[in-house]
PDB file of N, CA and C in Angstrom:
ATOM      1  N   MET A   1     -28.806 -11.843  15.671  1.00  0.00           N
ATOM      2  CA  MET A   1     -27.866 -12.817  15.145  1.00  0.00           C
ATOM      3  C   MET A   1     -26.475 -12.177  15.138  1.00  0.00           C
ATOM      4  N   PRO A   2     -25.472 -12.952  15.327  1.00  0.00           N
ATOM      5  CA  PRO A   2     -24.115 -12.402  15.257  1.00  0.00           C
ATOM      6  C   PRO A   2     -23.636 -12.247  13.812  1.00  0.00           C
ATOM      7  N   PHE A   3     -22.574 -11.480  13.671  1.00  0.00           N
ATOM      8  CA  PHE A   3     -21.916 -11.294  12.378  1.00  0.00           C
ATOM      9  C   PHE A   3     -21.529 -12.656  11.804  1.00  0.00           C
ATOM     10  N   GLU A   4     -21.695 -12.820  10.487  1.00  0.00           N
ATOM     11  CA  GLU A   4     -21.330 -14.074   9.812  1.00  0.00           C
ATOM     12  C   GLU A   4     -20.244 -13.772   8.785  1.00  0.00           C
ATOM     13  N   ILE A   5     -19.039 -14.237   9.055  1.00  0.00           N
ATOM     14  CA  ILE A   5     -17.880 -13.928   8.218  1.00  0.00           C
ATOM     15  C   ILE A   5     -18.074 -14.352   6.762  1.00  0.00           C
ATOM     16  N   GLN A   6     -18.802 -15.430   6.510  1.00  0.00           N
ATOM     17  CA  GLN A   6     -19.000 -15.906   5.138  1.00  0.00           C
ATOM     18  C   GLN A   6     -19.900 -14.973   4.326  1.00  0.00           C
ATOM     19  N   SER A   7     -20.541 -14.012   4.980  1.00  0.00           N
ATOM     20  CA  SER A   7     -21.392 -13.055   4.277  1.00  0.00           C
ATOM     21  C   SER A   7     -20.647 -11.773   3.904  1.00  0.00           C
ATOM     22  N   LEU A   8     -19.358 -11.720   4.213  1.00  0.00           N
ATOM     23  CA  LEU A   8     -18.526 -10.566   3.892  1.00  0.00           C
ATOM     24  C   LEU A   8     -17.658 -10.901   2.683  1.00  0.00           C
ATOM     25  N   SER A   9     -17.686 -10.047   1.669  1.00  0.00           N
ATOM     26  CA  SER A   9     -16.860 -10.307   0.489  1.00  0.00           C
ATOM     27  C   SER A   9     -16.274  -9.005  -0.039  1.00  0.00           C
ATOM     28  N   VAL A  10     -15.157  -9.127  -0.724  1.00  0.00           N
ATOM     29  CA  VAL A  10     -14.471  -7.983  -1.311  1.00  0.00           C
ATOM     30  C   VAL A  10     -15.097  -7.651  -2.661  1.00  0.00           C
ATOM     31  N   LEU A  11     -15.419  -6.384  -2.850  1.00  0.00           N
ATOM     32  CA  LEU A  11     -15.898  -5.915  -4.146  1.00  0.00           C
ATOM     33  C   LEU A  11     -14.769  -5.278  -4.943  1.00  0.00           C
ATOM     34  N   ALA A  12     -13.895  -4.546  -4.245  1.00  0.00           N
ATOM     35  CA  ALA A  12     -12.772  -3.877  -4.911  1.00  0.00           C
ATOM     36  C   ALA A  12     -11.668  -3.606  -3.902  1.00  0.00           C
ATOM     37  N   TYR A  13     -10.434  -3.592  -4.421  1.00  0.00           N
ATOM     38  CA  TYR A  13      -9.278  -3.302  -3.586  1.00  0.00           C
ATOM     39  C   TYR A  13      -8.282  -2.491  -4.403  1.00  0.00           C
ATOM     40  N   ALA A  14      -7.777  -1.401  -3.829  1.00  0.00           N
ATOM     41  CA  ALA A  14      -6.754  -0.596  -4.495  1.00  0.00           C
ATOM     42  C   ALA A  14      -6.055   0.292  -3.478  1.00  0.00           C
ATOM     43  N   ASN A  15      -4.742   0.342  -3.566  1.00  0.00           N
ATOM     44  CA  ASN A  15      -3.943   1.256  -2.746  1.00  0.00           C
ATOM     45  C   ASN A  15      -4.247   1.180  -1.256  1.00  0.00           C
ATOM     46  N   GLY A  16      -4.450  -0.009  -0.736  1.00  0.00           N
ATOM     47  CA  GLY A  16      -4.695  -0.182   0.688  1.00  0.00           C
ATOM     48  C   GLY A  16      -6.125   0.076   1.127  1.00  0.00           C
ATOM     49  N   PHE A  17      -7.021   0.320   0.188  1.00  0.00           N
ATOM     50  CA  PHE A  17      -8.436   0.551   0.479  1.00  0.00           C
ATOM     51  C   PHE A  17      -9.232  -0.636  -0.029  1.00  0.00           C
ATOM     52  N   THR A  18     -10.181  -1.102   0.771  1.00  0.00           N
ATOM     53  CA  THR A  18     -11.048  -2.205   0.349  1.00  0.00           C
ATOM     54  C   THR A  18     -12.508  -1.774   0.439  1.00  0.00           C
ATOM     55  N   LEU A  19     -13.247  -2.081  -0.608  1.00  0.00           N
ATOM     56  CA  LEU A  19     -14.695  -1.898  -0.628  1.00  0.00           C
ATOM     57  C   LEU A  19     -15.302  -3.274  -0.423  1.00  0.00           C
ATOM     58  N   TRP A  20     -16.057  -3.412   0.634  1.00  0.00           N
ATOM     59  CA  TRP A  20     -16.646  -4.688   1.021  1.00  0.00           C
ATOM     60  C   TRP A  20     -18.143  -4.712   0.744  1.00  0.00           C
ATOM     61  N   HIS A  21     -18.694  -5.912   0.661  1.00  0.00           N
ATOM     62  CA  HIS A  21     -20.141  -6.120   0.639  1.00  0.00           C
ATOM     63  C   HIS A  21     -20.484  -7.064   1.780  1.00  0.00           C
ATOM     64  N   TYR A  22     -21.509  -6.704   2.551  1.00  0.00           N
ATOM     65  CA  TYR A  22     -21.969  -7.572   3.631  1.00  0.00           C
ATOM     66  C   TYR A  22     -23.486  -7.645   3.566  1.00  0.00           C
ATOM     67  N   ARG A  23     -24.001  -8.855   3.669  1.00  0.00           N
ATOM     68  CA  ARG A  23     -25.445  -9.055   3.614  1.00  0.00           C
ATOM     69  C   ARG A  23     -25.899  -9.925   4.773  1.00  0.00           C
ATOM     70  N   THR A  24     -26.956  -9.461   5.431  1.00  0.00           N
ATOM     71  CA  THR A  24     -27.602 -10.261   6.456  1.00  0.00           C
ATOM     72  C   THR A  24     -29.105 -10.097   6.316  1.00  0.00           C
ATOM     73  N   ASP A  25     -29.807 -11.201   6.416  1.00  0.00           N
ATOM     74  CA  ASP A  25     -31.269 -11.156   6.368  1.00  0.00           C
ATOM     75  C   ASP A  25     -31.874 -11.143   7.761  1.00  0.00           C
ATOM     76  N   ASN A  26     -31.013 -11.290   8.785  1.00  0.00           N
ATOM     77  CA  ASN A  26     -31.502 -11.400  10.158  1.00  0.00           C
ATOM     78  C   ASN A  26     -31.257 -10.171  11.014  1.00  0.00           C
ATOM     79  N   ASP A  27     -30.159  -9.474  10.771  1.00  0.00           N
ATOM     80  CA  ASP A  27     -29.797  -8.343  11.619  1.00  0.00           C
ATOM     81  C   ASP A  27     -30.274  -7.024  11.018  1.00  0.00           C
ATOM     82  N   THR A  28     -30.547  -6.059  11.889  1.00  0.00           N
ATOM     83  CA  THR A  28     -30.998  -4.740  11.460  1.00  0.00           C
ATOM     84  C   THR A  28     -29.804  -3.813  11.268  1.00  0.00           C
ATOM     85  N   ARG A  29     -30.078  -2.676  10.685  1.00  0.00           N
ATOM     86  CA  ARG A  29     -29.036  -1.666  10.482  1.00  0.00           C
ATOM     87  C   ARG A  29     -28.453  -1.234  11.828  1.00  0.00           C
ATOM     88  N   SER A  30     -29.302  -1.016  12.811  1.00  0.00           N
ATOM     89  CA  SER A  30     -28.803  -0.572  14.122  1.00  0.00           C
ATOM     90  C   SER A  30     -27.918  -1.634  14.772  1.00  0.00           C
ATOM     91  N   GLN A  31     -28.216  -2.903  14.554  1.00  0.00           N
ATOM     92  CA  GLN A  31     -27.349  -3.963  15.074  1.00  0.00           C
ATOM     93  C   GLN A  31     -25.973  -3.907  14.405  1.00  0.00           C
ATOM     94  N   MET A  32     -25.955  -3.692  13.090  1.00  0.00           N
ATOM     95  CA  MET A  32     -24.681  -3.616  12.377  1.00  0.00           C
ATOM     96  C   MET A  32     -23.866  -2.410  12.820  1.00  0.00           C
ATOM     97  N   LEU A  33     -24.529  -1.337  13.212  1.00  0.00           N
ATOM     98  CA  LEU A  33     -23.835  -0.134  13.647  1.00  0.00           C
ATOM     99  C   LEU A  33     -23.364  -0.212  15.095  1.00  0.00           C
ATOM    100  N   SER A  34     -23.778  -1.230  15.817  1.00  0.00           N
ATOM    101  CA  SER A  34     -23.369  -1.339  17.220  1.00  0.00           C
ATOM    102  C   SER A  34     -21.879  -1.670  17.314  1.00  0.00           C
ATOM    103  N   THR A  35     -21.261  -1.149  18.354  1.00  0.00           N
ATOM    104  CA  THR A  35     -19.832  -1.366  18.573  1.00  0.00           C
ATOM    105  C   THR A  35     -19.540  -2.852  18.670  1.00  0.00           C
ATOM    106  N   GLY A  36     -18.584  -3.292  17.896  1.00  0.00           N
ATOM    107  CA  GLY A  36     -18.147  -4.675  17.972  1.00  0.00           C
ATOM    108  C   GLY A  36     -18.830  -5.642  17.027  1.00  0.00           C
ATOM    109  N   TYR A  37     -19.848  -5.201  16.304  1.00  0.00           N
ATOM    110  CA  TYR A  37     -20.552  -6.125  15.408  1.00  0.00           C
ATOM    111  C   TYR A  37     -19.593  -6.742  14.393  1.00  0.00           C
ATOM    112  N   PHE A  38     -18.676  -5.929  13.851  1.00  0.00           N
ATOM    113  CA  PHE A  38     -17.741  -6.415  12.842  1.00  0.00           C
ATOM    114  C   PHE A  38     -16.423  -6.932  13.431  1.00  0.00           C
ATOM    115  N   ASN A  39     -16.347  -7.091  14.744  1.00  0.00           N
ATOM    116  CA  ASN A  39     -15.118  -7.577  15.380  1.00  0.00           C
ATOM    117  C   ASN A  39     -14.594  -8.894  14.806  1.00  0.00           C
ATOM    118  N   PRO A  40     -15.452  -9.850  14.451  1.00  0.00           N
ATOM    119  CA  PRO A  40     -14.926 -11.100  13.881  1.00  0.00           C
ATOM    120  C   PRO A  40     -14.148 -10.900  12.575  1.00  0.00           C
ATOM    121  N   ALA A  41     -14.308  -9.741  11.939  1.00  0.00           N
ATOM    122  CA  ALA A  41     -13.591  -9.452  10.698  1.00  0.00           C
ATOM    123  C   ALA A  41     -12.406  -8.518  10.941  1.00  0.00           C
ATOM    124  N   ALA A  42     -12.013  -8.344  12.190  1.00  0.00           N
ATOM    125  CA  ALA A  42     -10.936  -7.410  12.528  1.00  0.00           C
ATOM    126  C   ALA A  42      -9.632  -7.754  11.817  1.00  0.00           C
ATOM    127  N   HIS A  43      -9.420  -9.011  11.535  1.00  0.00           N
ATOM    128  CA  HIS A  43      -8.190  -9.417  10.845  1.00  0.00           C
ATOM    129  C   HIS A  43      -8.233  -9.106   9.343  1.00  0.00           C
ATOM    130  N   LEU A  44      -9.379  -8.674   8.835  1.00  0.00           N
ATOM    131  CA  LEU A  44      -9.542  -8.397   7.408  1.00  0.00           C
ATOM    132  C   LEU A  44      -9.702  -6.907   7.095  1.00  0.00           C
ATOM    133  N   VAL A  45     -10.523  -6.224   7.859  1.00  0.00           N
ATOM    134  CA  VAL A  45     -10.855  -4.827   7.550  1.00  0.00           C
ATOM    135  C   VAL A  45      -9.843  -3.875   8.161  1.00  0.00           C
ATOM    136  N   ARG A  46      -9.791  -2.666   7.586  1.00  0.00           N
ATOM    137  CA  ARG A  46      -8.903  -1.617   8.090  1.00  0.00           C
ATOM    138  C   ARG A  46      -9.661  -0.309   8.211  1.00  0.00           C
ATOM    139  N   ARG A  47      -9.150   0.556   9.053  1.00  0.00           N
ATOM    140  CA  ARG A  47      -9.724   1.887   9.192  1.00  0.00           C
ATOM    141  C   ARG A  47      -9.702   2.566   7.818  1.00  0.00           C
ATOM    142  N   GLY A  48     -10.833   3.141   7.430  1.00  0.00           N
ATOM    143  CA  GLY A  48     -10.955   3.789   6.132  1.00  0.00           C
ATOM    144  C   GLY A  48     -11.661   2.949   5.089  1.00  0.00           C
ATOM    145  N   ASP A  49     -11.765   1.646   5.323  1.00  0.00           N
ATOM    146  CA  ASP A  49     -12.505   0.785   4.400  1.00  0.00           C
ATOM    147  C   ASP A  49     -13.985   1.168   4.412  1.00  0.00           C
ATOM    148  N   MET A  50     -14.687   0.782   3.351  1.00  0.00           N
ATOM    149  CA  MET A  50     -16.129   1.003   3.273  1.00  0.00           C
ATOM    150  C   MET A  50     -16.832  -0.333   3.074  1.00  0.00           C
ATOM    151  N   VAL A  51     -18.061  -0.396   3.586  1.00  0.00           N
ATOM    152  CA  VAL A  51     -18.869  -1.612   3.488  1.00  0.00           C
ATOM    153  C   VAL A  51     -20.230  -1.242   2.916  1.00  0.00           C
ATOM    154  N   LEU A  52     -20.583  -1.840   1.777  1.00  0.00           N
ATOM    155  CA  LEU A  52     -21.955  -1.746   1.284  1.00  0.00           C
ATOM    156  C   LEU A  52     -22.712  -2.836   2.016  1.00  0.00           C
ATOM    157  N   ALA A  53     -23.628  -2.429   2.869  1.00  0.00           N
ATOM    158  CA  ALA A  53     -24.262  -3.379   3.784  1.00  0.00           C
ATOM    159  C   ALA A  53     -25.766  -3.455   3.560  1.00  0.00           C
ATOM    160  N   ARG A  54     -26.232  -4.674   3.377  1.00  0.00           N
ATOM    161  CA  ARG A  54     -27.672  -4.921   3.253  1.00  0.00           C
ATOM    162  C   ARG A  54     -28.118  -5.650   4.499  1.00  0.00           C
ATOM    163  N   SER A  55     -28.966  -4.985   5.271  1.00  0.00           N
ATOM    164  CA  SER A  55     -29.499  -5.594   6.486  1.00  0.00           C
ATOM    165  C   SER A  55     -30.958  -5.977   6.255  1.00  0.00           C
ATOM    166  N   SER A  56     -31.600  -6.463   7.295  1.00  0.00           N
ATOM    167  CA  SER A  56     -32.993  -6.894   7.151  1.00  0.00           C
ATOM    168  C   SER A  56     -33.939  -5.715   6.924  1.00  0.00           C
ATOM    169  N   ASP A  57     -33.491  -4.499   7.276  1.00  0.00           N
ATOM    170  CA  ASP A  57     -34.387  -3.350   7.165  1.00  0.00           C
ATOM    171  C   ASP A  57     -33.835  -2.168   6.360  1.00  0.00           C
ATOM    172  N   ALA A  58     -32.624  -2.287   5.820  1.00  0.00           N
ATOM    173  CA  ALA A  58     -32.053  -1.138   5.114  1.00  0.00           C
ATOM    174  C   ALA A  58     -30.856  -1.543   4.265  1.00  0.00           C
ATOM    175  N   PHE A  59     -30.478  -0.626   3.379  1.00  0.00           N
ATOM    176  CA  PHE A  59     -29.215  -0.732   2.663  1.00  0.00           C
ATOM    177  C   PHE A  59     -28.393   0.466   3.102  1.00  0.00           C
ATOM    178  N   SER A  60     -27.145   0.238   3.511  1.00  0.00           N
ATOM    179  CA  SER A  60     -26.322   1.306   4.074  1.00  0.00           C
ATOM    180  C   SER A  60     -24.920   1.281   3.493  1.00  0.00           C
ATOM    181  N   ILE A  61     -24.311   2.450   3.486  1.00  0.00           N
ATOM    182  CA  ILE A  61     -22.898   2.554   3.187  1.00  0.00           C
ATOM    183  C   ILE A  61     -22.213   2.843   4.512  1.00  0.00           C
ATOM    184  N   LEU A  62     -21.360   1.923   4.932  1.00  0.00           N
ATOM    185  CA  LEU A  62     -20.693   2.041   6.220  1.00  0.00           C
ATOM    186  C   LEU A  62     -19.221   2.365   6.010  1.00  0.00           C
ATOM    187  N   HIS A  63     -18.668   3.072   6.966  1.00  0.00           N
ATOM    188  CA  HIS A  63     -17.273   3.471   6.941  1.00  0.00           C
ATOM    189  C   HIS A  63     -16.610   2.921   8.201  1.00  0.00           C
ATOM    190  N   VAL A  64     -15.479   2.254   8.057  1.00  0.00           N
ATOM    191  CA  VAL A  64     -14.746   1.755   9.226  1.00  0.00           C
ATOM    192  C   VAL A  64     -14.021   2.950   9.828  1.00  0.00           C
ATOM    193  N   THR A  65     -14.506   3.405  10.979  1.00  0.00           N
ATOM    194  CA  THR A  65     -13.987   4.620  11.603  1.00  0.00           C
ATOM    195  C   THR A  65     -12.864   4.358  12.585  1.00  0.00           C
ATOM    196  N   ALA A  66     -12.833   3.172  13.160  1.00  0.00           N
ATOM    197  CA  ALA A  66     -11.785   2.850  14.133  1.00  0.00           C
ATOM    198  C   ALA A  66     -11.485   1.365  14.078  1.00  0.00           C
ATOM    199  N   HIS A  67     -10.223   1.058  14.308  1.00  0.00           N
ATOM    200  CA  HIS A  67      -9.779  -0.332  14.303  1.00  0.00           C
ATOM    201  C   HIS A  67      -8.614  -0.431  15.269  1.00  0.00           C
ATOM    202  N   SER A  68      -8.808  -1.174  16.341  1.00  0.00           N
ATOM    203  CA  SER A  68      -7.758  -1.249  17.360  1.00  0.00           C
ATOM    204  C   SER A  68      -7.136  -2.635  17.441  1.00  0.00           C
ATOM    205  N   GLY A  69      -7.127  -3.354  16.353  1.00  0.00           N
ATOM    206  CA  GLY A  69      -6.554  -4.693  16.349  1.00  0.00           C
ATOM    207  C   GLY A  69      -7.602  -5.773  16.484  1.00  0.00           C
ATOM    208  N   SER A  70      -8.466  -5.645  17.479  1.00  0.00           N
ATOM    209  CA  SER A  70      -9.518  -6.641  17.661  1.00  0.00           C
ATOM    210  C   SER A  70     -10.904  -6.025  17.710  1.00  0.00           C
ATOM    211  N   THR A  71     -10.984  -4.714  17.795  1.00  0.00           N
ATOM    212  CA  THR A  71     -12.266  -4.009  17.852  1.00  0.00           C
ATOM    213  C   THR A  71     -12.439  -3.171  16.604  1.00  0.00           C
ATOM    214  N   VAL A  72     -13.597  -3.318  15.966  1.00  0.00           N
ATOM    215  CA  VAL A  72     -13.918  -2.570  14.750  1.00  0.00           C
ATOM    216  C   VAL A  72     -15.152  -1.719  15.009  1.00  0.00           C
ATOM    217  N   ASN A  73     -15.067  -0.444  14.690  1.00  0.00           N
ATOM    218  CA  ASN A  73     -16.210   0.456  14.791  1.00  0.00           C
ATOM    219  C   ASN A  73     -16.553   0.966  13.401  1.00  0.00           C
ATOM    220  N   VAL A  74     -17.837   1.041  13.106  1.00  0.00           N
ATOM    221  CA  VAL A  74     -18.302   1.557  11.828  1.00  0.00           C
ATOM    222  C   VAL A  74     -19.320   2.671  12.062  1.00  0.00           C
ATOM    223  N   ALA A  75     -19.477   3.512  11.066  1.00  0.00           N
ATOM    224  CA  ALA A  75     -20.493   4.565  11.082  1.00  0.00           C
ATOM    225  C   ALA A  75     -21.163   4.587   9.722  1.00  0.00           C
ATOM    226  N   ALA A  76     -22.413   5.000   9.699  1.00  0.00           N
ATOM    227  CA  ALA A  76     -23.152   5.082   8.443  1.00  0.00           C
ATOM    228  C   ALA A  76     -22.813   6.384   7.738  1.00  0.00           C
ATOM    229  N   LEU A  77     -22.514   6.300   6.437  1.00  0.00           N
ATOM    230  CA  LEU A  77     -22.303   7.494   5.632  1.00  0.00           C
ATOM    231  C   LEU A  77     -23.638   8.049   5.166  1.00  0.00           C
ATOM    232  N   VAL A  78     -24.575   7.166   4.886  1.00  0.00           N
ATOM    233  CA  VAL A  78     -25.917   7.559   4.477  1.00  0.00           C
ATOM    234  C   VAL A  78     -26.923   6.653   5.107  1.00  0.00           C
TER     235      VAL A  78
END
């Protein structure tokens, strides 16, 4: 399943940093970690933001490692 923007919400914001929550019951952790999965949210997220992500098979803390305007890359912290 593709990324669903309505499943992304802000948990906290301070000093240019945003902590996000994202939940999907259909996609796996590896799908969320694939390049471009979060591209539809490129206008919202920034490099350095974190995402508490619940996928169909795991709970992960993700870090936005790169943002080139329209492409978003994330990596798992744990």
